[in-house]
Amino acid sequence: MTLTNRRVQALRRGSALALAAAFLAAAPFLTAQAQEQHAHVHGQLKLDVAVDGPTVVIDMESPLDNIVGFERAPKTDAEKKTVEEAVAQLRAADKLFIVDPAANCKLGPVDLRSGALGLGNPDPSEPVGHADLDATFSFNCTNAAAAKFIDVNLFAVFKGLRQIDSQIATAQGQFKRQLKRPAGAQAAQPARLGWGK
């Protein structure tokens, strides 16, 4: 049985329409998923921790507002001073992140990236008016595998921060943790980001 050219073309159009409809139906899901991967939520910060060989590496992604209180290049002398202080605090990452003493770690390279602040090689897809600050903090350890926690001092230092979402990868497995700003005077104390069994 052979199909006429008209029937073949009609079937192709029908298949193309069905394929287009499938893509349109999936578009909201794909868009939501893409937005979730690059979410920019004030008050929230993302930390990815990897314990690998002799190192503990912490990758941080944060809206700039969490760190300095605004999301653009500093304009006033007061804003410039705020940025200088924040950058100095981030470069002294061993005060912000205290790795479990059992791992015997020392702060290594610190890489800060923000287009608005002119730091490092920032993400070129960063939306205008919603600047981020991304950072990588590396710790060199004599026994990184012994680490079971990091005491995090970010809530005490950065007042705009309300929540830290973490993913941790170690030889023992992968873990997700969430830290919320403690109430009252406890906000000045480190929050413990723990993992393991």
Protein backbone atom coordinates (compact mmCIF):
# COMPACT_ATOMS: atom_id res chain seq x y z
CA MET A 1 0.00 0.00 0.00
CA THR A 2 1.44 3.32 -1.02
CA LEU A 3 0.64 6.72 0.40
CA THR A 4 -0.13 9.63 -1.83
CA ASN A 5 2.05 12.75 -1.56
CA ARG A 6 -0.80 14.61 0.11
CA ARG A 7 -1.20 11.99 2.82
CA VAL A 8 2.57 11.90 3.46
CA GLN A 9 2.64 15.69 3.79
CA ALA A 10 -0.39 15.62 6.10
CA LEU A 11 1.27 12.98 8.29
CA ARG A 12 4.50 15.03 8.41
CA ARG A 13 2.55 18.17 9.37
CA GLY A 14 0.70 16.21 12.06
CA SER A 15 3.96 14.81 13.42
CA ALA A 16 5.56 18.25 13.40
CA LEU A 17 2.54 19.72 15.20
CA ALA A 18 2.60 16.93 17.79
CA LEU A 19 6.32 17.47 18.35
CA ALA A 20 5.83 21.24 18.67
CA ALA A 21 2.96 20.70 21.13
CA ALA A 22 5.15 18.40 23.22
CA PHE A 23 7.90 21.05 23.38
CA LEU A 24 5.37 23.74 24.30
CA ALA A 25 3.90 21.55 27.03
CA ALA A 26 7.38 20.92 28.46
CA ALA A 27 8.50 24.56 28.20
CA PRO A 28 7.13 25.71 31.59
CA PHE A 29 8.84 22.79 33.32
CA LEU A 30 12.15 23.41 31.53
CA THR A 31 11.97 27.15 32.22
CA ALA A 32 11.20 26.57 35.91
CA GLN A 33 14.04 24.07 36.13
CA ALA A 34 16.49 26.51 34.50
CA GLN A 35 15.36 29.31 36.84
CA GLU A 36 15.72 27.03 39.86
CA GLN A 37 19.29 26.18 38.86
CA HIS A 38 20.19 29.89 38.65
CA ALA A 39 17.87 31.14 41.38
CA HIS A 40 18.73 34.57 42.76
CA VAL A 41 16.91 34.80 46.07
CA HIS A 42 17.75 37.54 48.55
CA GLY A 43 18.63 36.18 51.97
CA GLN A 44 19.66 32.78 50.58
CA LEU A 45 23.15 31.57 49.84
CA LYS A 46 24.37 28.32 48.29
CA LEU A 47 27.42 26.42 49.54
CA ASP A 48 28.84 23.36 47.81
CA VAL A 49 31.44 21.54 49.89
CA ALA A 50 33.77 18.89 48.45
CA VAL A 51 36.13 16.86 50.61
CA ASP A 52 38.53 15.35 48.10
CA GLY A 53 42.01 13.99 48.74
CA PRO A 54 43.95 16.48 50.85
CA THR A 55 41.54 19.38 50.28
CA VAL A 56 38.24 20.79 51.43
CA VAL A 57 36.81 23.12 48.78
CA ILE A 58 33.84 25.39 49.43
CA ASP A 59 32.03 27.00 46.48
CA MET A 60 29.70 29.83 47.42
CA GLU A 61 27.01 31.53 45.32
CA SER A 62 25.17 34.51 46.77
CA PRO A 63 23.19 37.51 45.66
CA LEU A 64 25.50 40.48 46.23
CA ASP A 65 22.78 42.04 48.40
CA ASN A 66 23.39 39.35 51.08
CA ILE A 67 27.02 40.40 51.35
CA VAL A 68 27.05 44.20 50.98
CA GLY A 69 23.39 45.28 51.06
CA PHE A 70 23.10 46.28 47.38
CA GLU A 71 23.43 44.64 43.94
CA ARG A 72 25.53 47.00 41.84
CA ALA A 73 28.88 48.69 41.81
CA PRO A 74 29.39 50.85 44.90
CA LYS A 75 28.60 54.54 44.34
CA THR A 76 29.28 56.33 47.61
CA ASP A 77 32.33 56.31 49.87
CA ALA A 78 30.29 54.43 52.49
CA GLU A 79 29.36 51.73 49.93
CA LYS A 80 32.98 51.46 48.80
CA LYS A 81 34.04 50.99 52.42
CA THR A 82 31.35 48.31 52.90
CA VAL A 83 32.67 46.45 49.85
CA GLU A 84 36.29 46.68 51.04
CA GLU A 85 35.32 45.28 54.45
CA ALA A 86 33.26 42.45 52.93
CA VAL A 87 36.06 41.49 50.52
CA ALA A 88 38.58 41.49 53.39
CA GLN A 89 36.27 39.24 55.44
CA LEU A 90 35.83 36.83 52.53
CA ARG A 91 39.57 36.69 51.89
CA ALA A 92 40.01 35.73 55.57
CA ALA A 93 37.82 32.69 54.93
CA ASP A 94 39.42 30.68 57.73
CA LYS A 95 37.46 32.97 60.11
CA LEU A 96 34.20 32.37 58.20
CA PHE A 97 34.63 28.61 57.76
CA ILE A 98 36.28 26.64 60.56
CA VAL A 99 36.87 23.14 59.25
CA ASP A 100 36.75 20.29 61.81
CA PRO A 101 40.11 20.44 63.63
CA ALA A 102 40.53 16.67 63.10
CA ALA A 103 41.27 17.43 59.42
CA ASN A 104 44.12 19.85 60.29
CA CYS A 105 43.38 22.34 57.50
CA LYS A 106 44.97 25.63 56.50
CA LEU A 107 43.39 28.18 54.19
CA GLY A 108 44.69 27.98 50.63
CA PRO A 109 43.62 29.99 47.57
CA VAL A 110 40.53 32.21 47.73
CA ASP A 111 38.86 33.14 44.42
CA LEU A 112 36.21 35.90 44.51
CA ARG A 113 34.07 36.69 41.43
CA SER A 114 31.63 39.56 40.96
CA GLY A 115 31.09 41.64 37.83
CA ALA A 116 29.56 44.50 39.82
CA LEU A 117 32.61 44.65 42.09
CA GLY A 118 35.18 43.99 39.35
CA LEU A 119 36.42 40.80 41.02
CA GLY A 120 37.82 37.79 39.18
CA ASN A 121 36.11 36.31 36.14
CA PRO A 122 32.40 36.70 36.87
CA ASP A 123 29.57 34.81 35.16
CA PRO A 124 28.86 36.68 31.88
CA SER A 125 25.19 35.63 32.01
CA GLU A 126 24.64 37.48 35.32
CA PRO A 127 21.49 39.60 34.87
CA VAL A 128 21.92 43.37 35.12
CA GLY A 129 20.59 44.72 38.41
CA HIS A 130 20.77 41.33 40.13
CA ALA A 131 24.50 41.00 40.76
CA ASP A 132 25.98 38.02 42.54
CA LEU A 133 29.15 37.30 44.40
CA ASP A 134 30.59 33.86 43.80
CA ALA A 135 33.62 32.48 45.60
CA THR A 136 35.78 29.40 45.92
CA PHE A 137 37.63 28.78 49.17
CA SER A 138 40.23 26.01 49.24
CA PHE A 139 41.63 24.49 52.41
CA ASN A 140 44.74 22.29 52.33
CA CYS A 141 44.57 19.57 54.98
CA THR A 142 46.77 16.82 56.35
CA ASN A 143 43.70 14.61 56.94
CA ALA A 144 40.73 16.05 55.03
CA ALA A 145 38.83 12.74 55.21
CA ALA A 146 38.60 13.14 59.00
CA ALA A 147 36.46 16.27 58.63
CA LYS A 148 32.86 15.78 59.79
CA PHE A 149 31.74 19.41 60.01
CA ILE A 150 32.46 23.05 59.22
CA ASP A 151 31.50 25.79 61.66
CA VAL A 152 30.07 28.57 59.49
CA ASN A 153 30.24 32.20 60.69
CA LEU A 154 28.40 33.76 57.74
CA PHE A 155 25.25 34.67 59.71
CA ALA A 156 27.29 36.65 62.23
CA VAL A 157 29.17 38.59 59.54
CA PHE A 158 26.54 39.15 56.82
CA LYS A 159 23.32 40.46 58.35
CA GLY A 160 21.23 40.09 55.17
CA LEU A 161 21.72 36.33 55.11
CA ARG A 162 18.79 34.21 56.34
CA GLN A 163 19.38 30.74 54.89
CA ILE A 164 22.27 28.61 53.63
CA ASP A 165 21.53 25.67 51.32
CA SER A 166 24.41 23.19 51.12
CA GLN A 167 25.40 20.17 49.14
CA ILE A 168 28.33 18.19 50.51
CA ALA A 169 30.33 15.52 48.68
CA THR A 170 32.72 13.30 50.66
CA ALA A 171 34.07 9.77 50.41
CA GLN A 172 31.25 8.77 52.82
CA GLY A 173 28.56 10.02 50.43
CA GLN A 174 26.62 13.06 49.37
CA PHE A 175 24.53 15.13 51.74
CA LYS A 176 22.14 18.09 51.58
CA ARG A 177 21.87 20.42 54.52
CA GLN A 178 20.08 23.67 55.24
CA LEU A 179 21.08 26.20 57.87
CA LYS A 180 18.73 28.99 58.96
CA ARG A 181 19.70 32.21 60.73
CA PRO A 182 19.45 31.58 64.46
CA ALA A 183 17.33 33.94 66.53
CA GLY A 184 18.66 36.66 68.77
CA ALA A 185 22.15 36.44 70.26
CA GLN A 186 22.66 32.95 68.80
CA ALA A 187 23.07 34.56 65.36
CA ALA A 188 26.52 35.68 66.52
CA GLN A 189 27.52 32.05 67.14
CA PRO A 190 28.79 29.74 64.38
CA ALA A 191 26.26 27.45 62.72
CA ARG A 192 27.53 23.89 62.36
CA LEU A 193 27.32 22.34 58.92
CA GLY A 194 27.75 18.61 59.66
CA TRP A 195 27.75 15.45 57.58
CA GLY A 196 28.43 11.77 57.85
CA LYS A 197 26.75 9.10 59.85
